[in-house]
Protein backbone atom coordinates (compact mmCIF):
# COMPACT_ATOMS: atom_id res chain seq x y z
CA MET A 1 -19.12 11.53 2.75
CA SER A 2 -15.72 13.07 2.08
CA LYS A 3 -12.52 11.12 2.62
CA LYS A 4 -9.98 12.30 5.17
CA ALA A 5 -6.28 12.76 4.48
CA LEU A 6 -3.56 13.41 7.03
CA VAL A 7 -0.52 15.29 5.70
CA ILE A 8 2.60 14.97 7.87
CA GLU A 9 5.08 17.37 6.26
CA ASP A 10 7.37 20.01 7.76
CA ASP A 11 7.72 22.09 4.59
CA GLY A 12 4.90 24.63 4.80
CA ASN A 13 4.84 25.34 1.06
CA ILE A 14 4.50 21.66 0.16
CA ALA A 15 1.86 21.16 2.84
CA GLU A 16 -0.19 24.08 1.52
CA LEU A 17 0.10 22.81 -2.06
CA LEU A 18 -1.14 19.40 -0.93
CA ARG A 19 -4.00 21.00 0.97
CA LEU A 20 -5.15 22.93 -2.10
CA TYR A 21 -5.12 19.91 -4.41
CA LEU A 22 -6.62 17.49 -1.90
CA GLU A 23 -9.43 19.84 -0.88
CA LYS A 24 -10.19 20.43 -4.56
CA ASP A 25 -10.40 16.64 -4.90
CA GLY A 26 -12.94 16.46 -2.07
CA PHE A 27 -10.73 15.52 0.88
CA GLU A 28 -10.98 16.82 4.41
CA ILE A 29 -7.42 17.66 5.48
CA GLU A 30 -5.43 17.81 8.69
CA HIS A 31 -1.77 18.79 8.71
CA ALA A 32 1.07 18.11 11.14
CA ALA A 33 4.53 19.70 10.88
CA ASP A 34 6.38 17.05 12.90
CA GLY A 35 6.19 13.32 13.46
CA GLY A 36 5.00 13.48 17.05
CA GLU A 37 2.08 15.75 16.21
CA GLY A 38 1.37 13.63 13.16
CA LEU A 39 1.03 10.47 15.25
CA GLU A 40 -1.32 12.24 17.68
CA LEU A 41 -3.48 13.49 14.79
CA PHE A 42 -3.52 10.01 13.28
CA HIS A 43 -5.27 8.71 16.39
CA SER A 44 -7.67 11.66 16.85
CA PHE A 45 -8.47 12.48 13.20
CA GLU A 46 -8.79 8.84 11.99
CA PRO A 47 -7.80 9.56 8.37
CA ASP A 48 -8.46 7.36 5.35
CA ILE A 49 -4.94 7.93 4.01
CA VAL A 50 -1.64 9.36 5.29
CA LEU A 51 0.87 11.36 3.23
CA LEU A 52 4.08 11.05 5.22
CA ASP A 53 7.37 12.91 4.80
CA ILE A 54 10.51 11.06 5.90
CA MET A 55 12.76 13.88 7.14
CA LEU A 56 10.68 15.23 10.04
CA PRO A 57 11.50 16.85 13.38
CA VAL A 58 10.68 15.18 16.73
CA MET A 59 10.03 11.78 15.13
CA ASP A 60 11.11 10.86 11.59
CA GLY A 61 8.83 9.34 8.98
CA TRP A 62 10.22 5.82 9.37
CA GLU A 63 9.33 5.80 13.07
CA VAL A 64 5.87 7.23 12.38
CA LEU A 65 5.35 4.56 9.71
CA ARG A 66 6.30 1.78 12.16
CA GLU A 67 4.03 3.18 14.87
CA ILE A 68 1.04 3.40 12.50
CA ARG A 69 1.68 -0.05 11.03
CA ALA A 70 1.68 -1.52 14.54
CA VAL A 71 -2.01 -0.65 14.88
CA SER A 72 -3.40 -0.01 11.38
CA GLU A 73 -3.25 -1.06 7.73
CA ILE A 74 -4.36 2.38 6.49
CA PRO A 75 -2.83 3.36 3.12
CA ILE A 76 0.39 5.37 3.57
CA ILE A 77 2.25 7.22 0.82
CA MET A 78 5.79 8.34 1.63
CA LEU A 79 6.92 11.78 0.42
CA THR A 80 10.65 12.33 0.31
CA ALA A 81 13.58 13.97 -1.44
CA LYS A 82 15.41 10.64 -1.30
CA GLY A 83 14.80 9.01 -4.65
CA THR A 84 17.26 6.12 -4.76
CA THR A 85 16.04 2.58 -5.30
CA PRO A 86 17.30 1.31 -1.89
CA ASP A 87 15.30 4.06 -0.17
CA LYS A 88 12.18 3.10 -2.10
CA ILE A 89 12.62 -0.60 -1.36
CA SER A 90 13.19 0.19 2.32
CA GLY A 91 9.95 2.18 2.46
CA LEU A 92 7.96 -0.57 0.79
CA GLU A 93 9.46 -3.27 3.00
CA GLN A 94 8.50 -1.32 6.11
CA GLY A 95 4.87 -1.19 5.03
CA ALA A 96 4.45 1.92 2.87
CA ASP A 97 1.94 1.54 0.04
CA ASP A 98 3.65 3.97 -2.32
CA TYR A 99 6.68 6.24 -2.49
CA VAL A 100 6.71 9.63 -4.22
CA THR A 101 9.92 11.59 -4.73
CA LYS A 102 10.04 15.38 -4.39
CA PRO A 103 9.58 17.48 -6.40
CA PHE A 104 6.41 15.77 -7.60
CA GLU A 105 3.60 16.66 -9.95
CA PRO A 106 0.46 17.17 -7.79
CA LYS A 107 -1.81 15.56 -10.38
CA GLU A 108 0.41 12.47 -10.39
CA LEU A 109 0.21 12.29 -6.60
CA ILE A 110 -3.60 12.56 -6.70
CA ALA A 111 -3.67 9.69 -9.22
CA ARG A 112 -1.51 7.59 -6.93
CA ILE A 113 -3.76 8.41 -3.96
CA HIS A 114 -6.78 7.24 -5.95
CA ALA A 115 -4.95 4.04 -6.94
CA VAL A 116 -4.04 3.26 -3.32
CA MET A 117 -7.51 4.01 -2.00
CA ARG A 118 -9.22 1.89 -4.66
CA ARG A 119 -7.84 -1.08 -2.80
CA GLY A 120 -9.37 -0.09 0.53
CA PRO A 121 -12.38 -1.71 2.23
CA GLY A 122 -15.69 -0.47 0.87
CA ALA A 123 -14.20 0.65 -2.42
CA SER A 124 -16.61 -1.61 -4.29
CA ASP A 125 -20.00 -3.18 -3.51
CA GLU A 126 -18.93 -6.39 -5.26
CA PRO A 127 -18.05 -9.11 -2.73
CA LYS A 128 -14.35 -9.81 -2.68
CA CYS A 129 -13.56 -13.04 -0.89
CA LEU A 130 -11.54 -16.03 -2.08
CA SER A 131 -11.04 -19.31 -0.23
CA PHE A 132 -8.46 -22.05 -0.77
CA ASP A 133 -7.00 -24.78 1.41
CA LYS A 134 -5.95 -23.08 4.69
CA LEU A 135 -6.24 -19.66 3.05
CA MET A 136 -8.96 -17.01 2.92
CA ILE A 137 -8.46 -13.61 1.26
CA ASN A 138 -11.25 -11.18 2.15
CA LEU A 139 -11.03 -7.67 0.73
CA ASP A 140 -14.45 -6.73 2.12
CA SER A 141 -13.12 -6.93 5.67
CA TYR A 142 -9.46 -6.68 4.59
CA GLU A 143 -8.58 -9.89 6.38
CA LEU A 144 -6.08 -12.55 5.43
CA LEU A 145 -6.61 -15.84 7.23
CA VAL A 146 -3.74 -18.32 7.00
CA ASP A 147 -4.40 -21.74 8.52
CA GLY A 148 -7.29 -20.21 10.47
CA LYS A 149 -5.25 -17.33 11.91
CA ARG A 150 -5.55 -13.67 10.94
CA VAL A 151 -2.29 -12.35 9.47
CA GLU A 152 -1.72 -8.60 9.43
CA THR A 153 -1.16 -7.64 5.80
CA PRO A 154 -0.73 -4.18 4.23
CA PRO A 155 -3.35 -3.15 1.63
CA LYS A 156 -1.10 -3.48 -1.40
CA GLU A 157 -0.05 -6.99 -0.48
CA MET A 158 -3.69 -7.97 -0.01
CA GLU A 159 -4.67 -6.56 -3.40
CA LEU A 160 -1.73 -8.24 -5.13
CA LEU A 161 -2.54 -11.63 -3.62
CA PHE A 162 -6.25 -11.28 -4.39
CA HIS A 163 -5.47 -10.31 -7.99
CA LEU A 164 -3.20 -13.30 -8.53
CA ALA A 165 -5.53 -15.73 -6.77
CA SER A 166 -8.54 -14.46 -8.74
CA SER A 167 -6.99 -16.02 -11.85
CA PRO A 168 -5.34 -19.25 -10.65
CA ASN A 169 -2.49 -20.58 -12.82
CA ARG A 170 -2.47 -17.46 -15.00
CA VAL A 171 0.98 -15.91 -15.36
CA PHE A 172 1.17 -12.14 -14.91
CA THR A 173 4.16 -10.07 -15.94
CA ARG A 174 5.49 -7.53 -13.48
CA ASN A 175 4.28 -4.67 -15.68
CA GLN A 176 0.79 -6.19 -15.85
CA LEU A 177 0.69 -6.36 -12.06
CA LEU A 178 1.87 -2.77 -11.76
CA ASP A 179 -0.88 -1.62 -14.14
CA GLU A 180 -3.68 -3.82 -12.77
CA VAL A 181 -2.93 -3.77 -9.04
CA TRP A 182 -1.24 -0.47 -8.43
CA GLY A 183 -3.48 1.24 -10.99
CA PHE A 184 -0.79 3.70 -12.05
CA ASP A 185 2.28 3.69 -14.26
CA TYR A 186 5.26 3.04 -12.00
CA PHE A 187 7.72 3.88 -14.76
CA GLY A 188 8.98 0.34 -15.07
CA ASP A 189 10.14 -0.07 -11.44
CA SER A 190 9.27 -3.76 -11.43
CA ARG A 191 11.20 -4.38 -8.22
CA THR A 192 8.16 -2.98 -6.41
CA VAL A 193 6.33 -6.18 -7.35
CA ASP A 194 9.26 -8.37 -6.30
CA VAL A 195 9.32 -6.79 -2.84
CA HIS A 196 5.64 -7.45 -2.26
CA ILE A 197 5.83 -11.02 -3.55
CA LYS A 198 8.70 -11.68 -1.14
CA ARG A 199 6.67 -10.30 1.77
CA LEU A 200 3.69 -12.46 0.82
CA ARG A 201 5.86 -15.56 0.58
CA ASP A 202 7.17 -14.92 4.07
CA LYS A 203 3.55 -15.20 5.24
CA LEU A 204 2.38 -18.05 3.01
CA GLU A 205 5.13 -20.48 2.07
CA GLY A 206 4.72 -23.98 3.45
CA VAL A 207 1.11 -23.46 4.56
CA SER A 208 -0.47 -25.79 1.99
CA ASP A 209 0.65 -28.20 -0.71
CA LYS A 210 -2.45 -27.42 -2.79
CA TRP A 211 -1.44 -23.91 -3.88
CA ALA A 212 1.64 -21.70 -4.06
CA LEU A 213 2.94 -18.34 -5.21
CA LYS A 214 5.21 -19.26 -8.10
CA THR A 215 7.87 -17.37 -10.02
CA VAL A 216 7.84 -17.98 -13.77
CA TRP A 217 11.43 -17.09 -14.59
CA GLY A 218 11.81 -14.43 -17.24
CA VAL A 219 8.07 -13.71 -17.22
CA GLY A 220 6.49 -12.94 -13.84
CA TYR A 221 4.34 -14.58 -11.18
CA LYS A 222 1.28 -16.78 -10.75
CA PHE A 223 -0.92 -18.24 -8.01
CA GLU A 224 -0.64 -21.93 -8.81
CA LEU A 225 -3.27 -24.49 -7.86
CA VAL A 226 -1.97 -28.03 -7.55
CA GLU A 227 -4.29 -30.75 -8.82
């Protein structure tokens, strides 16, 4: 069964280019030229991934992102001409899974789409569930249970936590995490990892004294189990 992609982009040329490459890659495509229409299509089309421009008429990309994140953890890749680091960090902090600056190389975007979707539910038949004191990370159902309560968590955060917790007490560098979790070369933008670690800590710190997300200064991060 083909995957479905929703493109929310007001530039017709870019939208058509995306359609050509995504259809060639086996996607079923729907396109919206403004944020309001995009949000309506999100609910009716039920896509597997959203490619979302920021500068949109009717409703901008940030508002669309917030509206989608209020009801869904579907992978979202932001497309924008704004390429500064603060813009990227802002997008990631608001729940985007990736951030691609225009003009972009279509093949690079397709690779990033594949990397994001590899983290989605059903991507592998291998069971993916880890349990610790007051913590359960389940990538089969894409649920994070903290002290028995489900905590809404974007896909990239889930994958990052699962990856760290799969190898307790092992230290990962930021570049290792970019390669192994994101699945694509992020050109050394290690702050992407820092942002997601911070968001995870906001959800997890103080929950248990038997494990913790630890910073190893000058090296990277680890999921530490306390004896």
